[in-house]
Amino acid sequence: MQRKNNNKDIQANLENSRLNYQETEASSEVINDKTTKGQTLKIYQAINLQKAMMPVYLVGLMYYYGNFSDQMIVYSIMHGSYGLLWIIKHFTFPDKSFEDPISIFGAIMIWVLVLGPYLVPGWIIASGYSQEITDKKWIYSNLVVYIFSVSVMLCSDAQKSHILTIYRQFNLSTKEKPLLINNGFFKYTRNPNYLGEMSLYFTFAALSNHWISYSIIFMTWAIVLMPGMAKKDESLMRKPGWDQYSQQSWRLIPKINGSLRDSIIFYSISITSIIFFFKA
């Protein structure tokens, strides 16, 4: 009798365990389903929407306000072409981090805090909210800096993307020997892509030359780009070769030839030449 009772107890326990397991599985499915429904977008979709609409938005501003000044046309060429180049970049060497899922609320917050404010400098110029800039030196100097900056950003992103692709295909990077990209565009600056992006957005603010535009750019640097660079440095510090790499490079601006002396000479001459150019 005691053995039968023990068998019944064992069977009852097994049945309870099976029911608890089924309930747990059902709960997990519900949670996963809710999570999936909340993450209906990917980060790149929110970003690409703004980039794709930028040329149309700027042309619309020009016609709405009847503003076809050199300042507005050059700004539209710069910011509009950047949007198109970003879309091409996404389809040729996409940033994997932008493929993470995001909720509708998250996408709205990205627009409110970052993407939306980038629409303001174009409106400031088109609407005449700020005084029109007629100095051709200022206008076309910003165009030259933009061309250089967007080239640095795209080329460094391309280098990083293709190196990572090769390393993944041939399993060259392991936990014991993690990849440290310290050549090409990354030889003397650890963030050439950020340098290019920060520089090109600065030209957008400089071309509108209004405190609101500068505030938008500096705010984005502070809440997005600066923390991103700091986080990247934390990751690089754990990789072999960091000590030598940190000596030959700076976090943002290039350390010319890996030398402090050469950098001081180069940047001193560059700043002096720029000042002389605009005062001449």
Protein backbone atom coordinates (compact mmCIF):
# COMPACT_ATOMS: atom_id res chain seq x y z
CA MET A 1 0.00 0.00 0.00
CA GLN A 2 2.80 2.37 0.89
CA ARG A 3 4.53 1.68 -2.45
CA LYS A 4 1.30 2.40 -4.35
CA ASN A 5 0.83 5.63 -2.48
CA ASN A 6 4.42 6.61 -3.29
CA ASN A 7 3.82 5.89 -6.98
CA LYS A 8 0.68 8.02 -6.92
CA ASP A 9 2.60 10.85 -5.27
CA ILE A 10 5.35 10.65 -7.89
CA GLN A 11 2.80 10.67 -10.73
CA ALA A 12 1.01 13.63 -9.17
CA ASN A 13 4.28 15.55 -8.86
CA LEU A 14 5.19 14.79 -12.48
CA GLU A 15 1.77 15.96 -13.64
CA ASN A 16 2.08 19.19 -11.65
CA SER A 17 5.55 19.76 -13.09
CA ARG A 18 4.23 19.22 -16.62
CA LEU A 19 1.38 21.69 -16.07
CA ASN A 20 3.76 24.27 -14.55
CA TYR A 21 6.10 23.89 -17.54
CA GLN A 22 3.22 24.40 -19.99
CA GLU A 23 2.08 27.49 -18.10
CA THR A 24 5.64 28.88 -18.13
CA GLU A 25 5.95 28.24 -21.87
CA ALA A 26 2.59 29.90 -22.51
CA SER A 27 3.60 32.93 -20.42
CA SER A 28 6.91 33.20 -22.31
CA GLU A 29 5.09 33.11 -25.64
CA VAL A 30 2.77 35.91 -24.52
CA ILE A 31 5.71 38.03 -23.30
CA ASN A 32 7.69 37.41 -26.49
CA ASP A 33 4.66 38.21 -28.59
CA LYS A 34 4.14 41.51 -26.77
CA THR A 35 7.84 42.36 -27.11
CA THR A 36 7.79 41.59 -30.81
CA LYS A 37 4.69 43.72 -31.32
CA GLY A 38 6.35 46.61 -29.47
CA GLN A 39 9.44 46.40 -31.67
CA THR A 40 7.83 46.88 -35.06
CA LEU A 41 10.61 49.03 -36.53
CA LYS A 42 14.37 48.99 -36.89
CA ILE A 43 16.52 51.99 -36.05
CA TYR A 44 17.69 52.46 -39.64
CA GLN A 45 14.09 52.83 -40.84
CA ALA A 46 13.53 55.87 -38.64
CA ILE A 47 16.85 57.38 -39.74
CA ASN A 48 16.47 56.60 -43.44
CA LEU A 49 13.05 58.21 -43.56
CA GLN A 50 14.55 61.53 -42.50
CA LYS A 51 17.51 61.20 -44.88
CA ALA A 52 15.32 60.32 -47.86
CA MET A 53 12.88 63.18 -47.29
CA MET A 54 15.58 65.85 -46.77
CA PRO A 55 16.08 66.81 -50.47
CA VAL A 56 12.31 67.08 -50.99
CA TYR A 57 11.92 69.07 -47.78
CA LEU A 58 14.62 71.58 -48.75
CA VAL A 59 13.35 72.07 -52.30
CA GLY A 60 9.88 72.58 -50.84
CA LEU A 61 11.22 75.28 -48.51
CA MET A 62 12.92 77.09 -51.39
CA TYR A 63 9.73 77.28 -53.42
CA TYR A 64 7.44 78.00 -50.45
CA TYR A 65 9.53 81.00 -49.32
CA GLY A 66 10.76 81.92 -52.80
CA ASN A 67 14.33 81.84 -51.49
CA PHE A 68 16.84 80.94 -54.22
CA SER A 69 19.84 82.70 -52.74
CA ASP A 70 23.33 81.22 -52.98
CA GLN A 71 23.15 80.47 -49.27
CA MET A 72 19.93 78.44 -49.58
CA ILE A 73 20.93 76.65 -52.78
CA VAL A 74 24.33 75.60 -51.42
CA TYR A 75 22.77 74.48 -48.13
CA SER A 76 20.19 72.41 -50.01
CA ILE A 77 22.90 70.80 -52.12
CA MET A 78 24.93 69.95 -49.01
CA HIS A 79 22.24 68.62 -46.69
CA GLY A 80 20.19 67.08 -49.50
CA SER A 81 23.14 65.21 -51.00
CA TYR A 82 24.12 63.97 -47.54
CA GLY A 83 20.69 62.39 -47.18
CA LEU A 84 21.03 60.60 -50.52
CA LEU A 85 24.60 59.49 -49.77
CA TRP A 86 23.41 58.07 -46.45
CA ILE A 87 20.78 55.96 -48.23
CA ILE A 88 23.41 54.67 -50.70
CA LYS A 89 25.70 53.89 -47.75
CA HIS A 90 22.93 51.91 -46.06
CA PHE A 91 22.41 49.66 -49.08
CA THR A 92 26.14 49.13 -49.77
CA PHE A 93 27.80 48.89 -46.34
CA PRO A 94 25.11 49.26 -43.64
CA ASP A 95 25.84 49.91 -39.99
CA LYS A 96 24.84 46.73 -38.14
CA SER A 97 24.03 48.65 -34.96
CA PHE A 98 21.18 50.42 -36.77
CA GLU A 99 19.50 47.09 -37.49
CA ASP A 100 18.45 46.66 -33.85
CA PRO A 101 14.67 46.63 -33.28
CA ILE A 102 12.97 49.68 -31.81
CA SER A 103 9.46 50.48 -30.66
CA ILE A 104 7.25 53.13 -32.25
CA PHE A 105 7.78 55.28 -29.16
CA GLY A 106 11.56 54.87 -29.48
CA ALA A 107 11.43 55.97 -33.13
CA ILE A 108 9.37 59.01 -32.19
CA MET A 109 11.91 59.95 -29.50
CA ILE A 110 14.77 59.67 -32.03
CA TRP A 111 12.89 62.10 -34.25
CA VAL A 112 12.08 64.49 -31.41
CA LEU A 113 15.57 64.58 -29.92
CA VAL A 114 17.87 64.20 -32.96
CA LEU A 115 16.39 63.87 -36.44
CA GLY A 116 13.65 66.48 -36.14
CA PRO A 117 15.89 69.34 -34.97
CA TYR A 118 18.11 68.78 -38.02
CA LEU A 119 15.25 70.18 -40.10
CA VAL A 120 15.52 73.56 -38.38
CA PRO A 121 18.67 75.10 -39.98
CA GLY A 122 17.19 74.76 -43.47
CA TRP A 123 14.01 76.51 -42.34
CA ILE A 124 16.04 79.29 -40.66
CA ILE A 125 17.79 80.03 -43.96
CA ALA A 126 14.75 79.67 -46.23
CA SER A 127 12.37 81.71 -44.07
CA GLY A 128 14.82 84.57 -43.57
CA TYR A 129 14.68 84.06 -39.80
CA SER A 130 18.39 84.85 -39.74
CA GLN A 131 20.20 87.49 -41.74
CA GLU A 132 21.13 86.29 -45.22
CA ILE A 133 24.80 85.47 -45.71
CA THR A 134 26.21 86.96 -48.92
CA ASP A 135 29.91 86.42 -48.21
CA LYS A 136 30.89 83.94 -50.91
CA LYS A 137 34.06 82.99 -49.05
CA TRP A 138 31.98 81.80 -46.10
CA ILE A 139 29.43 79.98 -48.23
CA TYR A 140 31.82 78.10 -50.49
CA SER A 141 34.37 77.42 -47.76
CA ASN A 142 31.64 75.52 -45.91
CA LEU A 143 30.88 73.63 -49.12
CA VAL A 144 34.53 72.56 -49.42
CA VAL A 145 34.66 71.46 -45.77
CA TYR A 146 31.42 69.53 -46.26
CA ILE A 147 32.81 67.66 -49.29
CA PHE A 148 35.95 66.74 -47.37
CA SER A 149 33.98 65.75 -44.25
CA VAL A 150 31.41 63.54 -45.97
CA SER A 151 34.23 61.84 -47.89
CA VAL A 152 36.11 61.05 -44.66
CA MET A 153 32.95 59.73 -43.01
CA LEU A 154 31.94 57.48 -45.91
CA CYS A 155 35.44 56.18 -46.66
CA SER A 156 36.22 55.37 -43.02
CA ASP A 157 32.84 53.66 -42.58
CA ALA A 158 33.51 51.67 -45.76
CA GLN A 159 36.96 50.63 -44.51
CA LYS A 160 35.56 49.51 -41.15
CA SER A 161 32.64 47.65 -42.73
CA HIS A 162 34.75 45.72 -45.24
CA ILE A 163 37.43 44.78 -42.71
CA LEU A 164 34.79 43.47 -40.29
CA THR A 165 33.13 41.52 -43.12
CA ILE A 166 36.41 39.83 -44.06
CA TYR A 167 37.22 39.00 -40.46
CA ARG A 168 33.77 37.46 -39.94
CA GLN A 169 33.93 35.40 -43.13
CA PHE A 170 37.31 33.86 -42.28
CA ASN A 171 36.86 33.81 -38.47
CA LEU A 172 40.01 35.88 -38.02
CA SER A 173 38.77 37.71 -34.91
CA THR A 174 38.38 35.70 -31.71
CA LYS A 175 37.92 36.42 -28.02
CA GLU A 176 41.59 35.62 -27.50
CA LYS A 177 42.66 37.88 -30.39
CA PRO A 178 40.02 40.60 -30.93
CA LEU A 179 40.24 42.88 -33.95
CA LEU A 180 41.81 46.32 -33.53
CA ILE A 181 41.49 48.52 -36.63
CA ASN A 182 44.49 50.85 -36.43
CA ASN A 183 45.42 51.54 -40.04
CA GLY A 184 44.12 53.54 -42.98
CA PHE A 185 41.72 56.27 -41.86
CA PHE A 186 41.96 54.94 -38.31
CA LYS A 187 45.75 55.22 -38.01
CA TYR A 188 45.99 58.63 -36.32
CA THR A 189 42.39 59.15 -35.17
CA ARG A 190 40.27 56.52 -33.47
CA ASN A 191 37.01 57.97 -34.78
CA PRO A 192 37.43 59.31 -38.33
CA ASN A 193 33.79 58.54 -39.10
CA TYR A 194 32.63 60.63 -36.14
CA LEU A 195 35.08 63.37 -37.12
CA GLY A 196 33.60 63.50 -40.61
CA GLU A 197 30.02 63.47 -39.34
CA MET A 198 30.62 66.16 -36.73
CA SER A 199 32.42 68.37 -39.27
CA LEU A 200 29.74 68.10 -41.94
CA TYR A 201 26.95 68.91 -39.49
CA PHE A 202 28.96 71.87 -38.25
CA THR A 203 28.99 73.24 -41.81
CA PHE A 204 25.17 73.04 -41.83
CA ALA A 205 25.06 75.17 -38.67
CA ALA A 206 27.76 77.53 -39.95
CA LEU A 207 25.93 78.13 -43.21
CA SER A 208 22.76 79.16 -41.37
CA ASN A 209 24.99 81.01 -38.84
CA HIS A 210 22.31 81.16 -36.15
CA TRP A 211 22.64 80.30 -32.47
CA ILE A 212 19.72 77.85 -32.68
CA SER A 213 21.51 75.84 -35.37
CA TYR A 214 24.75 75.76 -33.37
CA SER A 215 22.83 74.70 -30.25
CA ILE A 216 21.23 71.77 -32.10
CA ILE A 217 24.58 70.54 -33.40
CA PHE A 218 26.37 70.88 -30.05
CA MET A 219 23.49 69.14 -28.25
CA THR A 220 23.73 66.16 -30.63
CA TRP A 221 27.48 65.99 -30.13
CA ALA A 222 26.97 65.96 -26.35
CA ILE A 223 24.20 63.34 -26.10
CA VAL A 224 25.07 61.03 -29.02
CA LEU A 225 28.56 61.33 -30.45
CA MET A 226 30.73 62.09 -27.40
CA PRO A 227 29.32 59.19 -25.33
CA GLY A 228 29.70 56.94 -28.37
CA MET A 229 33.40 57.76 -28.66
CA ALA A 230 33.96 57.23 -24.94
CA LYS A 231 32.23 53.84 -25.08
CA LYS A 232 34.35 52.84 -28.08
CA ASP A 233 37.55 53.74 -26.24
CA GLU A 234 36.48 51.54 -23.32
CA SER A 235 36.15 48.65 -25.76
CA LEU A 236 39.48 49.34 -27.48
CA MET A 237 41.34 49.41 -24.16
CA ARG A 238 40.67 45.70 -23.71
CA LYS A 239 42.30 44.76 -27.03
CA PRO A 240 45.95 43.83 -27.66
CA GLY A 241 47.89 46.70 -29.20
CA TRP A 242 45.88 49.40 -27.42
CA ASP A 243 48.86 50.94 -25.63
CA GLN A 244 50.76 51.60 -28.85
CA TYR A 245 47.62 52.67 -30.72
CA SER A 246 46.61 55.15 -28.00
CA GLN A 247 50.08 56.73 -28.21
CA GLN A 248 49.95 57.26 -31.99
CA SER A 249 46.32 58.46 -32.19
CA TRP A 250 43.84 60.85 -30.59
CA ARG A 251 40.19 60.20 -29.92
CA LEU A 252 38.85 62.62 -32.52
CA ILE A 253 41.23 64.91 -34.42
CA PRO A 254 44.19 63.21 -36.16
CA LYS A 255 47.50 63.11 -34.34
CA ILE A 256 49.72 64.05 -37.29
CA ASN A 257 52.34 61.34 -37.89
CA GLY A 258 51.57 60.13 -34.36
CA SER A 259 53.59 63.08 -33.09
CA LEU A 260 52.51 65.86 -30.72
CA ARG A 261 55.13 68.23 -32.20
CA ASP A 262 54.00 67.63 -35.79
CA SER A 263 50.38 68.08 -34.74
CA ILE A 264 51.07 71.44 -33.07
CA ILE A 265 52.95 72.67 -36.14
CA PHE A 266 50.29 71.45 -38.59
CA TYR A 267 47.27 72.81 -36.71
CA SER A 268 48.97 76.12 -35.92
CA ILE A 269 49.72 76.68 -39.61
CA SER A 270 46.20 75.59 -40.58
CA ILE A 271 44.44 77.90 -38.11
CA THR A 272 46.67 80.84 -39.06
CA SER A 273 45.97 80.25 -42.77
CA ILE A 274 42.20 80.12 -42.19
CA ILE A 275 42.23 83.37 -40.21
CA PHE A 276 44.32 85.08 -42.88
CA PHE A 277 42.03 83.79 -45.64
CA PHE A 278 38.87 85.26 -44.13
CA LYS A 279 40.48 88.56 -43.14
CA ALA A 280 42.11 89.14 -46.51
